Amino acid sequence: MSYIPQYTINEKIRSNLQEIERLKDQIRGSGILPEVEASVRLRASVESIHSSTSIEGNPLSANEVRAVITSDGALTKEEYAKIEVQNYKNALDYIDKRRHGSSDITLEDVLELHRIITDRLLSKSRSGKIRQNPVYIENQDHEVVYTAIAPDKVKPALEELLDWVRKSQFFIHPVIIAAIIHFRIAAIHPFADGNGRTARALTSLFLALNQYDCKGSLVLDSYYASDRKAYYAILQLLNGKNYAFSVKSDLTPWLEYFTDGFLTSLHVLEAEIRMINLALPKSKTNNLSREDQDILSYVSKFGSINISEAEQIIPEIGRRSIQRRLKGLVDSDYLEMIGETHETKYVLKNK
């Protein structure tokens, strides 16, 4: 049996999608400098990690989150909270590297993101593994409010979802698909713990693979965290009391909520970029090509790049063209070369 979500693209959703496209193109064409983009992406990482983990009760403040993800990984006594934050940062790193590969989300992606997110927080028998037991979600009064799908049906349900994503991505808007991925992972509840974080991370991965996350600068999790009651309320309403109800739900209200959040997050990012550009000196212009910016963005995130990695992030141009671009960035004092000829890496040049 194949999965077919039920929903209607009403006028509100259609209007949101049109404005999303306009703002996305505006942000893409804003031409912010690579060093500024690196700063924006660090802010986005901090905000996304803080928001996604705080939704489920992580007590660390945004400043404490920044300290954890920019440290050398050493952890103090607040073990669980800091490990949770570090894991989510590792999940975002996985997404950043994965964005340059295959465009299809796989079951391996789902399991690997969960493994990263729950590393050292769950036993190895449960981290990155589909649950073997039933799941019953209780409210504060310990009353069962949701019964998830039976364990033996979790993998088929995930495969049906991923098959629908593969077939739908050619004719359904990526933001709509992302919204349905988010909802369905939460409904299936495939793991013993960490389902919410995995659902949000998998949504981010899909948006990254389809170039709808503004190269990692868009933060959706803050919208959910800003009103957790509304976030959980809409999910609970459409999930009903059990999985059988959720699979037949009309997801139109969720798509309205999700596209509202997506649009709000784009407005926040657009305003941030506009303020940054206004603050820059008039003479500080960006004459770099989009390919050059992609290379510098990768180096800013991961510390270095080699020829093979550059071929992965800009596969549309040949190896010789990539070598010329890297040389041009070296000559322009953006990058410097380190290592021997066959092991050459390029790193940001200290200015």
C-alpha atoms as a PDB file:
ATOM      1  CA  MET A   1       0.000   0.000   0.000  1.00  0.00           C
ATOM      2  CA  SER A   2       1.380   3.427  -0.923  1.00  0.00           C
ATOM      3  CA  TYR A   3       1.142   6.540   1.201  1.00  0.00           C
ATOM      4  CA  ILE A   4      -0.985   9.390  -0.196  1.00  0.00           C
ATOM      5  CA  PRO A   5      -1.302  12.432   2.101  1.00  0.00           C
ATOM      6  CA  GLN A   6      -4.626  14.238   2.212  1.00  0.00           C
ATOM      7  CA  TYR A   7      -4.510  18.036   1.890  1.00  0.00           C
ATOM      8  CA  THR A   8      -5.685  21.028  -0.122  1.00  0.00           C
ATOM      9  CA  ILE A   9      -3.498  23.876  -1.380  1.00  0.00           C
ATOM     10  CA  ASN A  10      -5.854  26.679  -0.422  1.00  0.00           C
ATOM     11  CA  GLU A  11      -5.431  30.395  -1.114  1.00  0.00           C
ATOM     12  CA  LYS A  12      -3.536  31.015   2.129  1.00  0.00           C
ATOM     13  CA  ILE A  13      -0.998  28.271   1.424  1.00  0.00           C
ATOM     14  CA  ARG A  14      -0.663  29.341  -2.224  1.00  0.00           C
ATOM     15  CA  SER A  15      -0.032  32.941  -1.168  1.00  0.00           C
ATOM     16  CA  ASN A  16       2.559  31.813   1.390  1.00  0.00           C
ATOM     17  CA  LEU A  17       4.391  29.745  -1.232  1.00  0.00           C
ATOM     18  CA  GLN A  18       4.489  32.684  -3.663  1.00  0.00           C
ATOM     19  CA  GLU A  19       5.948  34.971  -1.007  1.00  0.00           C
ATOM     20  CA  ILE A  20       8.423  32.251   0.015  1.00  0.00           C
ATOM     21  CA  GLU A  21       9.695  32.072  -3.566  1.00  0.00           C
ATOM     22  CA  ARG A  22      10.029  35.852  -3.781  1.00  0.00           C
ATOM     23  CA  LEU A  23      11.957  36.144  -0.520  1.00  0.00           C
ATOM     24  CA  LYS A  24      14.152  33.123  -1.243  1.00  0.00           C
ATOM     25  CA  ASP A  25      15.233  34.625  -4.563  1.00  0.00           C
ATOM     26  CA  GLN A  26      15.781  38.002  -2.913  1.00  0.00           C
ATOM     27  CA  ILE A  27      18.003  36.480  -0.230  1.00  0.00           C
ATOM     28  CA  ARG A  28      19.929  34.430  -2.776  1.00  0.00           C
ATOM     29  CA  GLY A  29      20.629  37.561  -4.799  1.00  0.00           C
ATOM     30  CA  SER A  30      21.616  39.697  -1.823  1.00  0.00           C
ATOM     31  CA  GLY A  31      25.319  39.001  -2.364  1.00  0.00           C
ATOM     32  CA  ILE A  32      26.525  39.090   1.229  1.00  0.00           C
ATOM     33  CA  LEU A  33      30.249  38.631   1.740  1.00  0.00           C
ATOM     34  CA  PRO A  34      31.500  35.108   2.548  1.00  0.00           C
ATOM     35  CA  GLU A  35      32.859  36.130   5.961  1.00  0.00           C
ATOM     36  CA  VAL A  36      29.507  37.707   6.795  1.00  0.00           C
ATOM     37  CA  GLU A  37      27.685  34.622   5.569  1.00  0.00           C
ATOM     38  CA  ALA A  38      29.809  32.473   7.889  1.00  0.00           C
ATOM     39  CA  SER A  39      28.717  34.648  10.811  1.00  0.00           C
ATOM     40  CA  VAL A  40      25.057  34.406   9.773  1.00  0.00           C
ATOM     41  CA  ARG A  41      25.305  30.635   9.538  1.00  0.00           C
ATOM     42  CA  LEU A  42      26.918  30.364  12.988  1.00  0.00           C
ATOM     43  CA  ARG A  43      24.052  32.417  14.395  1.00  0.00           C
ATOM     44  CA  ALA A  44      21.607  30.150  12.563  1.00  0.00           C
ATOM     45  CA  SER A  45      23.261  27.029  13.973  1.00  0.00           C
ATOM     46  CA  VAL A  46      23.154  28.369  17.525  1.00  0.00           C
ATOM     47  CA  GLU A  47      19.530  29.418  17.171  1.00  0.00           C
ATOM     48  CA  SER A  48      18.423  26.181  15.521  1.00  0.00           C
ATOM     49  CA  ILE A  49      20.152  23.990  18.102  1.00  0.00           C
ATOM     50  CA  HIS A  50      18.893  26.050  21.032  1.00  0.00           C
ATOM     51  CA  SER A  51      15.332  26.114  19.708  1.00  0.00           C
ATOM     52  CA  SER A  52      15.058  22.466  18.659  1.00  0.00           C
ATOM     53  CA  THR A  53      16.501  21.096  21.890  1.00  0.00           C
ATOM     54  CA  SER A  54      14.628  23.563  24.121  1.00  0.00           C
ATOM     55  CA  ILE A  55      11.318  22.435  22.594  1.00  0.00           C
ATOM     56  CA  GLU A  56      11.886  19.139  24.391  1.00  0.00           C
ATOM     57  CA  GLY A  57      13.155  20.670  27.602  1.00  0.00           C
ATOM     58  CA  ASN A  58      16.890  21.294  27.213  1.00  0.00           C
ATOM     59  CA  PRO A  59      17.742  23.983  29.831  1.00  0.00           C
ATOM     60  CA  LEU A  60      20.785  25.593  28.175  1.00  0.00           C
ATOM     61  CA  SER A  61      20.504  29.230  27.103  1.00  0.00           C
ATOM     62  CA  ALA A  62      21.497  30.402  23.621  1.00  0.00           C
ATOM     63  CA  ASN A  63      24.829  31.700  24.966  1.00  0.00           C
ATOM     64  CA  GLU A  64      25.524  28.361  26.639  1.00  0.00           C
ATOM     65  CA  VAL A  65      24.674  26.584  23.384  1.00  0.00           C
ATOM     66  CA  ARG A  66      27.138  28.807  21.518  1.00  0.00           C
ATOM     67  CA  ALA A  67      29.840  27.985  24.078  1.00  0.00           C
ATOM     68  CA  VAL A  68      29.272  24.254  23.623  1.00  0.00           C
ATOM     69  CA  ILE A  69      29.274  24.167  19.813  1.00  0.00           C
ATOM     70  CA  THR A  70      32.293  26.466  19.456  1.00  0.00           C
ATOM     71  CA  SER A  71      34.364  24.633  22.092  1.00  0.00           C
ATOM     72  CA  ASP A  72      36.660  21.681  21.480  1.00  0.00           C
ATOM     73  CA  GLY A  73      33.914  19.319  22.551  1.00  0.00           C
ATOM     74  CA  ALA A  74      34.899  19.087  26.227  1.00  0.00           C
ATOM     75  CA  LEU A  75      31.855  18.594  28.448  1.00  0.00           C
ATOM     76  CA  THR A  76      31.327  19.620  32.049  1.00  0.00           C
ATOM     77  CA  LYS A  77      28.883  18.319  34.644  1.00  0.00           C
ATOM     78  CA  GLU A  78      25.702  19.236  32.780  1.00  0.00           C
ATOM     79  CA  GLU A  79      26.347  16.115  30.741  1.00  0.00           C
ATOM     80  CA  TYR A  80      22.983  15.316  29.250  1.00  0.00           C
ATOM     81  CA  ALA A  81      22.068  18.849  28.188  1.00  0.00           C
ATOM     82  CA  LYS A  82      25.457  19.562  26.664  1.00  0.00           C
ATOM     83  CA  ILE A  83      25.670  16.207  24.888  1.00  0.00           C
ATOM     84  CA  GLU A  84      22.203  16.830  23.448  1.00  0.00           C
ATOM     85  CA  VAL A  85      23.342  20.209  22.100  1.00  0.00           C
ATOM     86  CA  GLN A  86      26.614  18.847  20.710  1.00  0.00           C
ATOM     87  CA  ASN A  87      24.739  16.003  19.020  1.00  0.00           C
ATOM     88  CA  TYR A  88      22.317  18.359  17.314  1.00  0.00           C
ATOM     89  CA  LYS A  89      25.244  20.442  16.112  1.00  0.00           C
ATOM     90  CA  ASN A  90      26.765  17.252  14.673  1.00  0.00           C
ATOM     91  CA  ALA A  91      23.442  16.543  12.953  1.00  0.00           C
ATOM     92  CA  LEU A  92      23.549  19.992  11.308  1.00  0.00           C
ATOM     93  CA  ASP A  93      27.136  19.272  10.180  1.00  0.00           C
ATOM     94  CA  TYR A  94      25.918  15.994   8.660  1.00  0.00           C
ATOM     95  CA  ILE A  95      23.228  17.926   6.782  1.00  0.00           C
ATOM     96  CA  ASP A  96      25.771  20.474   5.530  1.00  0.00           C
ATOM     97  CA  LYS A  97      28.009  17.760   4.099  1.00  0.00           C
ATOM     98  CA  ARG A  98      25.116  15.665   2.849  1.00  0.00           C
ATOM     99  CA  ARG A  99      23.651  18.589   0.868  1.00  0.00           C
ATOM    100  CA  HIS A 100      26.364  18.104  -1.765  1.00  0.00           C
ATOM    101  CA  GLY A 101      25.503  14.461  -2.459  1.00  0.00           C
ATOM    102  CA  SER A 102      22.466  12.575  -3.746  1.00  0.00           C
ATOM    103  CA  SER A 103      19.226  14.528  -3.772  1.00  0.00           C
ATOM    104  CA  ASP A 104      17.121  11.659  -2.402  1.00  0.00           C
ATOM    105  CA  ILE A 105      16.589  11.122   1.323  1.00  0.00           C
ATOM    106  CA  THR A 106      17.145   7.477   2.234  1.00  0.00           C
ATOM    107  CA  LEU A 107      16.282   5.257   5.174  1.00  0.00           C
ATOM    108  CA  GLU A 108      19.991   5.356   6.007  1.00  0.00           C
ATOM    109  CA  ASP A 109      19.714   9.153   6.392  1.00  0.00           C
ATOM    110  CA  VAL A 110      16.835   8.728   8.849  1.00  0.00           C
ATOM    111  CA  LEU A 111      18.741   6.177  10.929  1.00  0.00           C
ATOM    112  CA  GLU A 112      22.030   8.085  10.803  1.00  0.00           C
ATOM    113  CA  LEU A 113      20.475  11.378  11.885  1.00  0.00           C
ATOM    114  CA  HIS A 114      18.824   9.612  14.809  1.00  0.00           C
ATOM    115  CA  ARG A 115      22.102   7.903  15.700  1.00  0.00           C
ATOM    116  CA  ILE A 116      23.920  11.251  15.723  1.00  0.00           C
ATOM    117  CA  ILE A 117      21.164  12.998  17.684  1.00  0.00           C
ATOM    118  CA  THR A 118      20.990  10.296  20.384  1.00  0.00           C
ATOM    119  CA  ASP A 119      24.685   9.378  20.555  1.00  0.00           C
ATOM    120  CA  ARG A 120      25.622   8.720  24.231  1.00  0.00           C
ATOM    121  CA  LEU A 121      22.036   9.548  25.250  1.00  0.00           C
ATOM    122  CA  LEU A 122      20.537   6.178  24.283  1.00  0.00           C
ATOM    123  CA  SER A 123      22.103   2.729  24.399  1.00  0.00           C
ATOM    124  CA  LYS A 124      23.760   1.492  21.205  1.00  0.00           C
ATOM    125  CA  SER A 125      20.945  -1.014  20.820  1.00  0.00           C
ATOM    126  CA  ARG A 126      18.443   1.865  20.474  1.00  0.00           C
ATOM    127  CA  SER A 127      20.468   4.738  18.968  1.00  0.00           C
ATOM    128  CA  GLY A 128      19.961   4.781  15.203  1.00  0.00           C
ATOM    129  CA  LYS A 129      17.749   1.693  15.431  1.00  0.00           C
ATOM    130  CA  ILE A 130      14.031   1.381  14.732  1.00  0.00           C
ATOM    131  CA  ARG A 131      12.183   0.752  17.985  1.00  0.00           C
ATOM    132  CA  GLN A 132      11.207  -2.785  18.949  1.00  0.00           C
ATOM    133  CA  ASN A 133       8.474  -1.850  21.410  1.00  0.00           C
ATOM    134  CA  PRO A 134       5.069  -0.119  21.270  1.00  0.00           C
ATOM    135  CA  VAL A 135       4.928   3.617  21.960  1.00  0.00           C
ATOM    136  CA  TYR A 136       2.217   5.310  24.010  1.00  0.00           C
ATOM    137  CA  ILE A 137       2.440   9.066  24.528  1.00  0.00           C
ATOM    138  CA  GLU A 138       0.996  10.279  27.818  1.00  0.00           C
ATOM    139  CA  ASN A 139      -0.068  13.699  29.052  1.00  0.00           C
ATOM    140  CA  GLN A 140       0.865  15.215  32.417  1.00  0.00           C
ATOM    141  CA  ASP A 141      -1.885  13.184  34.087  1.00  0.00           C
ATOM    142  CA  HIS A 142      -0.347   9.967  32.676  1.00  0.00           C
ATOM    143  CA  GLU A 143      -3.292   9.438  30.349  1.00  0.00           C
ATOM    144  CA  VAL A 144      -2.475   7.914  26.955  1.00  0.00           C
ATOM    145  CA  VAL A 145      -3.131  10.581  24.313  1.00  0.00           C
ATOM    146  CA  TYR A 146      -1.505   8.884  21.299  1.00  0.00           C
ATOM    147  CA  THR A 147      -0.703   5.317  20.296  1.00  0.00           C
ATOM    148  CA  ALA A 148       1.968   5.097  17.597  1.00  0.00           C
ATOM    149  CA  ILE A 149       2.185   2.503  14.834  1.00  0.00           C
ATOM    150  CA  ALA A 150       3.130  -1.053  15.845  1.00  0.00           C
ATOM    151  CA  PRO A 151       6.900  -1.732  15.857  1.00  0.00           C
ATOM    152  CA  ASP A 152       6.814  -4.253  13.006  1.00  0.00           C
ATOM    153  CA  LYS A 153       5.121  -1.685  10.756  1.00  0.00           C
ATOM    154  CA  VAL A 154       7.534   1.205  11.398  1.00  0.00           C
ATOM    155  CA  LYS A 155      10.038   0.338   8.654  1.00  0.00           C
ATOM    156  CA  PRO A 156       7.350  -0.199   5.955  1.00  0.00           C
ATOM    157  CA  ALA A 157       5.747   3.124   6.951  1.00  0.00           C
ATOM    158  CA  LEU A 158       9.093   4.936   6.641  1.00  0.00           C
ATOM    159  CA  GLU A 159       9.756   3.305   3.271  1.00  0.00           C
ATOM    160  CA  GLU A 160       6.292   4.323   2.027  1.00  0.00           C
ATOM    161  CA  LEU A 161       6.957   7.916   3.093  1.00  0.00           C
ATOM    162  CA  LEU A 162      10.379   8.020   1.405  1.00  0.00           C
ATOM    163  CA  ASP A 163       8.925   6.450  -1.751  1.00  0.00           C
ATOM    164  CA  TRP A 164       6.240   9.148  -1.819  1.00  0.00           C
ATOM    165  CA  VAL A 165       8.917  11.845  -1.371  1.00  0.00           C
ATOM    166  CA  ARG A 166      10.966  10.475  -4.281  1.00  0.00           C
ATOM    167  CA  LYS A 167       7.943  10.347  -6.585  1.00  0.00           C
ATOM    168  CA  SER A 168       6.471  13.683  -5.486  1.00  0.00           C
ATOM    169  CA  GLN A 169       9.510  15.944  -5.623  1.00  0.00           C
ATOM    170  CA  PHE A 170       9.062  16.529  -9.352  1.00  0.00           C
ATOM    171  CA  PHE A 171       5.580  18.042  -9.106  1.00  0.00           C
ATOM    172  CA  ILE A 172       4.936  19.080  -5.477  1.00  0.00           C
ATOM    173  CA  HIS A 173       6.521  22.193  -3.976  1.00  0.00           C
ATOM    174  CA  PRO A 174       9.547  21.331  -1.767  1.00  0.00           C
ATOM    175  CA  VAL A 175       8.153  23.266   1.204  1.00  0.00           C
ATOM    176  CA  ILE A 176       4.963  21.173   1.088  1.00  0.00           C
ATOM    177  CA  ILE A 177       6.989  17.949   0.958  1.00  0.00           C
ATOM    178  CA  ALA A 178       9.165  19.146   3.862  1.00  0.00           C
ATOM    179  CA  ALA A 179       6.053  19.859   5.931  1.00  0.00           C
ATOM    180  CA  ILE A 180       4.681  16.378   5.288  1.00  0.00           C
ATOM    181  CA  ILE A 181       8.032  14.738   6.136  1.00  0.00           C
ATOM    182  CA  HIS A 182       7.996  16.591   9.458  1.00  0.00           C
ATOM    183  CA  PHE A 183       4.434  15.553  10.261  1.00  0.00           C
ATOM    184  CA  ARG A 184       4.806  11.926   9.200  1.00  0.00           C
ATOM    185  CA  ILE A 185       8.016  11.232  11.136  1.00  0.00           C
ATOM    186  CA  ALA A 186       6.350  12.639  14.252  1.00  0.00           C
ATOM    187  CA  ALA A 187       3.273  10.479  13.599  1.00  0.00           C
ATOM    188  CA  ILE A 188       5.205   7.265  12.912  1.00  0.00           C
ATOM    189  CA  HIS A 189       7.402   7.845  15.992  1.00  0.00           C
ATOM    190  CA  PRO A 190      10.009   5.385  14.690  1.00  0.00           C
ATOM    191  CA  PHE A 191      12.404   5.531  17.641  1.00  0.00           C
ATOM    192  CA  ALA A 192      12.465   4.963  21.374  1.00  0.00           C
ATOM    193  CA  ASP A 193      13.368   8.637  21.934  1.00  0.00           C
ATOM    194  CA  GLY A 194      14.524  11.662  19.927  1.00  0.00           C
ATOM    195  CA  ASN A 195      11.673  11.550  17.420  1.00  0.00           C
ATOM    196  CA  GLY A 196      10.968  15.291  17.467  1.00  0.00           C
ATOM    197  CA  ARG A 197      14.583  16.289  16.930  1.00  0.00           C
ATOM    198  CA  THR A 198      14.939  13.678  14.184  1.00  0.00           C
ATOM    199  CA  ALA A 199      11.770  14.907  12.442  1.00  0.00           C
ATOM    200  CA  ARG A 200      13.028  18.500  12.471  1.00  0.00           C
ATOM    201  CA  ALA A 201      16.539  17.500  11.345  1.00  0.00           C
ATOM    202  CA  LEU A 202      15.193  15.329   8.531  1.00  0.00           C
ATOM    203  CA  THR A 203      13.023  18.233   7.390  1.00  0.00           C
ATOM    204  CA  SER A 204      16.136  20.437   7.341  1.00  0.00           C
ATOM    205  CA  LEU A 205      18.007  17.801   5.327  1.00  0.00           C
ATOM    206  CA  PHE A 206      15.294  17.681   2.677  1.00  0.00           C
ATOM    207  CA  LEU A 207      15.232  21.479   2.414  1.00  0.00           C
ATOM    208  CA  ALA A 208      19.048  21.541   2.146  1.00  0.00           C
ATOM    209  CA  LEU A 209      19.075  18.918  -0.611  1.00  0.00           C
ATOM    210  CA  ASN A 210      16.551  21.003  -2.527  1.00  0.00           C
ATOM    211  CA  GLN A 211      18.272  24.353  -1.851  1.00  0.00           C
ATOM    212  CA  TYR A 212      15.417  25.734   0.240  1.00  0.00           C
ATOM    213  CA  ASP A 213      17.336  26.343   3.476  1.00  0.00           C
ATOM    214  CA  CYS A 214      19.325  29.398   2.299  1.00  0.00           C
ATOM    215  CA  LYS A 215      22.560  27.411   2.621  1.00  0.00           C
ATOM    216  CA  GLY A 216      21.976  26.638   6.279  1.00  0.00           C
ATOM    217  CA  SER A 217      21.027  30.187   7.301  1.00  0.00           C
ATOM    218  CA  LEU A 218      17.274  29.589   7.621  1.00  0.00           C
ATOM    219  CA  VAL A 219      16.026  28.668  11.108  1.00  0.00           C
ATOM    220  CA  LEU A 220      12.574  27.082  11.327  1.00  0.00           C
ATOM    221  CA  ASP A 221      12.910  25.681  14.840  1.00  0.00           C
ATOM    222  CA  SER A 222      12.652  29.101  16.485  1.00  0.00           C
ATOM    223  CA  TYR A 223       9.141  29.471  15.095  1.00  0.00           C
ATOM    224  CA  TYR A 224       8.088  26.222  16.777  1.00  0.00           C
ATOM    225  CA  ALA A 225       9.916  27.091  20.004  1.00  0.00           C
ATOM    226  CA  SER A 226       8.343  30.563  20.175  1.00  0.00           C
ATOM    227  CA  ASP A 227       4.965  28.947  20.912  1.00  0.00           C
ATOM    228  CA  ARG A 228       5.505  25.318  21.870  1.00  0.00           C
ATOM    229  CA  LYS A 229       1.865  24.916  22.879  1.00  0.00           C
ATOM    230  CA  ALA A 230       0.683  25.872  19.387  1.00  0.00           C
ATOM    231  CA  TYR A 231       3.294  23.574  17.794  1.00  0.00           C
ATOM    232  CA  TYR A 232       2.274  20.556  19.836  1.00  0.00           C
ATOM    233  CA  ALA A 233      -1.426  21.416  19.629  1.00  0.00           C
ATOM    234  CA  ILE A 234      -1.558  21.307  15.830  1.00  0.00           C
ATOM    235  CA  LEU A 235       0.409  18.036  15.735  1.00  0.00           C
ATOM    236  CA  GLN A 236      -1.800  16.452  18.400  1.00  0.00           C
ATOM    237  CA  LEU A 237      -4.982  17.637  16.725  1.00  0.00           C
ATOM    238  CA  LEU A 238      -4.102  16.064  13.377  1.00  0.00           C
ATOM    239  CA  ASN A 239      -2.513  12.941  14.831  1.00  0.00           C
ATOM    240  CA  GLY A 240      -5.595  12.224  16.884  1.00  0.00           C
ATOM    241  CA  LYS A 241      -5.432   9.401  19.397  1.00  0.00           C
ATOM    242  CA  ASN A 242      -3.635   6.873  17.215  1.00  0.00           C
ATOM    243  CA  TYR A 243      -1.665   6.297  14.030  1.00  0.00           C
ATOM    244  CA  ALA A 244      -4.699   5.039  12.106  1.00  0.00           C
ATOM    245  CA  PHE A 245      -6.335   8.447  12.624  1.00  0.00           C
ATOM    246  CA  SER A 246      -3.208  10.427  11.710  1.00  0.00           C
ATOM    247  CA  VAL A 247      -2.643   8.658   8.393  1.00  0.00           C
ATOM    248  CA  LYS A 248      -6.101   9.750   7.199  1.00  0.00           C
ATOM    249  CA  SER A 249      -5.992  13.316   8.541  1.00  0.00           C
ATOM    250  CA  ASP A 250      -6.511  16.326   6.318  1.00  0.00           C
ATOM    251  CA  LEU A 251      -3.113  18.036   6.635  1.00  0.00           C
ATOM    252  CA  THR A 252      -4.250  21.410   5.274  1.00  0.00           C
ATOM    253  CA  PRO A 253      -4.132  23.095   8.743  1.00  0.00           C
ATOM    254  CA  TRP A 254      -0.585  21.765   9.264  1.00  0.00           C
ATOM    255  CA  LEU A 255       0.500  23.083   5.857  1.00  0.00           C
ATOM    256  CA  GLU A 256      -0.917  26.497   6.757  1.00  0.00           C
ATOM    257  CA  TYR A 257       1.015  26.436  10.042  1.00  0.00           C
ATOM    258  CA  PHE A 258       4.228  25.191   8.416  1.00  0.00           C
ATOM    259  CA  THR A 259       4.220  27.675   5.526  1.00  0.00           C
ATOM    260  CA  ASP A 260       3.409  30.497   7.969  1.00  0.00           C
ATOM    261  CA  GLY A 261       6.471  29.488   9.980  1.00  0.00           C
ATOM    262  CA  PHE A 262       8.642  29.140   6.896  1.00  0.00           C
ATOM    263  CA  LEU A 263       7.640  32.585   5.683  1.00  0.00           C
ATOM    264  CA  THR A 264       8.157  34.161   9.124  1.00  0.00           C
ATOM    265  CA  SER A 265      11.644  32.620   9.310  1.00  0.00           C
ATOM    266  CA  LEU A 266      12.507  33.951   5.837  1.00  0.00           C
ATOM    267  CA  HIS A 267      11.401  37.447   6.845  1.00  0.00           C
ATOM    268  CA  VAL A 268      13.694  37.263   9.898  1.00  0.00           C
ATOM    269  CA  LEU A 269      16.639  36.176   7.755  1.00  0.00           C
ATOM    270  CA  GLU A 270      15.967  38.780   5.067  1.00  0.00           C
ATOM    271  CA  ALA A 271      15.849  41.548   7.685  1.00  0.00           C
ATOM    272  CA  GLU A 272      19.112  40.341   9.221  1.00  0.00           C
ATOM    273  CA  ILE A 273      20.893  40.315   5.859  1.00  0.00           C
ATOM    274  CA  ARG A 274      19.508  43.746   4.964  1.00  0.00           C
ATOM    275  CA  MET A 275      20.811  45.240   8.225  1.00  0.00           C
ATOM    276  CA  ILE A 276      24.219  43.639   7.728  1.00  0.00           C
ATOM    277  CA  ASN A 277      24.520  44.971   4.182  1.00  0.00           C
ATOM    278  CA  LEU A 278      23.504  48.458   5.302  1.00  0.00           C
ATOM    279  CA  ALA A 279      26.217  48.378   7.945  1.00  0.00           C
ATOM    280  CA  LEU A 280      28.973  47.433   5.491  1.00  0.00           C
ATOM    281  CA  PRO A 281      31.150  50.174   3.957  1.00  0.00           C
ATOM    282  CA  LYS A 282      29.988  51.203   0.493  1.00  0.00           C
ATOM    283  CA  SER A 283      33.343  50.140  -0.948  1.00  0.00           C
ATOM    284  CA  LYS A 284      33.023  46.627   0.489  1.00  0.00           C
ATOM    285  CA  THR A 285      31.359  44.912  -2.467  1.00  0.00           C
ATOM    286  CA  ASN A 286      31.215  41.251  -3.339  1.00  0.00           C
ATOM    287  CA  ASN A 287      32.452  40.439  -6.839  1.00  0.00           C
ATOM    288  CA  LEU A 288      32.695  36.719  -6.224  1.00  0.00           C
ATOM    289  CA  SER A 289      30.760  34.263  -8.353  1.00  0.00           C
ATOM    290  CA  ARG A 290      28.166  31.954  -6.814  1.00  0.00           C
ATOM    291  CA  GLU A 291      30.618  29.046  -7.210  1.00  0.00           C
ATOM    292  CA  ASP A 292      33.338  31.010  -5.370  1.00  0.00           C
ATOM    293  CA  GLN A 293      30.876  31.779  -2.573  1.00  0.00           C
ATOM    294  CA  ASP A 294      29.940  28.093  -2.323  1.00  0.00           C
ATOM    295  CA  ILE A 295      33.615  27.153  -1.950  1.00  0.00           C
ATOM    296  CA  LEU A 296      34.241  29.807   0.711  1.00  0.00           C
ATOM    297  CA  SER A 297      31.056  28.897   2.552  1.00  0.00           C
ATOM    298  CA  TYR A 298      32.208  25.259   2.711  1.00  0.00           C
ATOM    299  CA  VAL A 299      35.651  26.250   3.998  1.00  0.00           C
ATOM    300  CA  SER A 300      34.109  28.573   6.592  1.00  0.00           C
ATOM    301  CA  LYS A 301      31.983  25.706   7.879  1.00  0.00           C
ATOM    302  CA  PHE A 302      34.431  22.801   7.739  1.00  0.00           C
ATOM    303  CA  GLY A 303      37.848  24.488   7.976  1.00  0.00           C
ATOM    304  CA  SER A 304      39.321  23.376   4.664  1.00  0.00           C
ATOM    305  CA  ILE A 305      38.549  22.012   1.213  1.00  0.00           C
ATOM    306  CA  ASN A 306      40.376  19.848  -1.331  1.00  0.00           C
ATOM    307  CA  ILE A 307      39.780  19.313  -5.033  1.00  0.00           C
ATOM    308  CA  SER A 308      37.562  16.262  -4.529  1.00  0.00           C
ATOM    309  CA  GLU A 309      35.346  18.063  -2.017  1.00  0.00           C
ATOM    310  CA  ALA A 310      35.078  21.064  -4.327  1.00  0.00           C
ATOM    311  CA  GLU A 311      33.953  18.747  -7.139  1.00  0.00           C
ATOM    312  CA  GLN A 312      31.140  17.510  -4.889  1.00  0.00           C
ATOM    313  CA  ILE A 313      29.787  20.950  -4.015  1.00  0.00           C
ATOM    314  CA  ILE A 314      29.992  22.388  -7.550  1.00  0.00           C
ATOM    315  CA  PRO A 315      29.658  19.321  -9.811  1.00  0.00           C
ATOM    316  CA  GLU A 316      28.407  21.381 -12.740  1.00  0.00           C
ATOM    317  CA  ILE A 317      31.911  22.645 -13.616  1.00  0.00           C
ATOM    318  CA  GLY A 318      34.966  20.562 -14.497  1.00  0.00           C
ATOM    319  CA  ARG A 319      38.062  19.786 -12.429  1.00  0.00           C
ATOM    320  CA  ARG A 320      40.253  22.254 -14.336  1.00  0.00           C
ATOM    321  CA  SER A 321      37.738  25.054 -13.801  1.00  0.00           C
ATOM    322  CA  ILE A 322      37.644  24.230 -10.094  1.00  0.00           C
ATOM    323  CA  GLN A 323      41.432  24.369  -9.917  1.00  0.00           C
ATOM    324  CA  ARG A 324      41.370  27.802 -11.596  1.00  0.00           C
ATOM    325  CA  ARG A 325      38.729  29.044  -9.132  1.00  0.00           C
ATOM    326  CA  LEU A 326      40.726  27.826  -6.155  1.00  0.00           C
ATOM    327  CA  LYS A 327      43.849  29.505  -7.542  1.00  0.00           C
ATOM    328  CA  GLY A 328      41.860  32.711  -8.060  1.00  0.00           C
ATOM    329  CA  LEU A 329      40.687  32.645  -4.440  1.00  0.00           C
ATOM    330  CA  VAL A 330      44.295  32.141  -3.335  1.00  0.00           C
ATOM    331  CA  ASP A 331      45.468  35.043  -5.529  1.00  0.00           C
ATOM    332  CA  SER A 332      42.670  37.228  -4.082  1.00  0.00           C
ATOM    333  CA  ASP A 333      43.833  36.445  -0.524  1.00  0.00           C
ATOM    334  CA  TYR A 334      40.660  34.591   0.435  1.00  0.00           C
ATOM    335  CA  LEU A 335      42.364  31.191   0.680  1.00  0.00           C
ATOM    336  CA  GLU A 336      45.814  29.772   1.176  1.00  0.00           C
ATOM    337  CA  MET A 337      47.228  26.369   0.215  1.00  0.00           C
ATOM    338  CA  ILE A 338      48.617  23.888   2.701  1.00  0.00           C
ATOM    339  CA  GLY A 339      50.077  20.410   2.206  1.00  0.00           C
ATOM    340  CA  GLU A 340      51.879  18.577  -0.577  1.00  0.00           C
ATOM    341  CA  THR A 341      50.672  18.549  -4.191  1.00  0.00           C
ATOM    342  CA  HIS A 342      48.560  15.373  -4.014  1.00  0.00           C
ATOM    343  CA  GLU A 343      47.233  16.245  -0.534  1.00  0.00           C
ATOM    344  CA  THR A 344      46.716  19.983  -1.003  1.00  0.00           C
ATOM    345  CA  LYS A 345      44.010  21.597   1.105  1.00  0.00           C
ATOM    346  CA  TYR A 346      42.764  25.155   0.978  1.00  0.00           C
ATOM    347  CA  VAL A 347      41.995  27.075   4.162  1.00  0.00           C
ATOM    348  CA  LEU A 348      40.789  30.596   4.866  1.00  0.00           C
ATOM    349  CA  LYS A 349      43.638  33.064   4.861  1.00  0.00           C
ATOM    350  CA  ASN A 350      44.149  34.997   8.067  1.00  0.00           C
ATOM    351  CA  LYS A 351      43.861  38.714   7.273  1.00  0.00           C
END
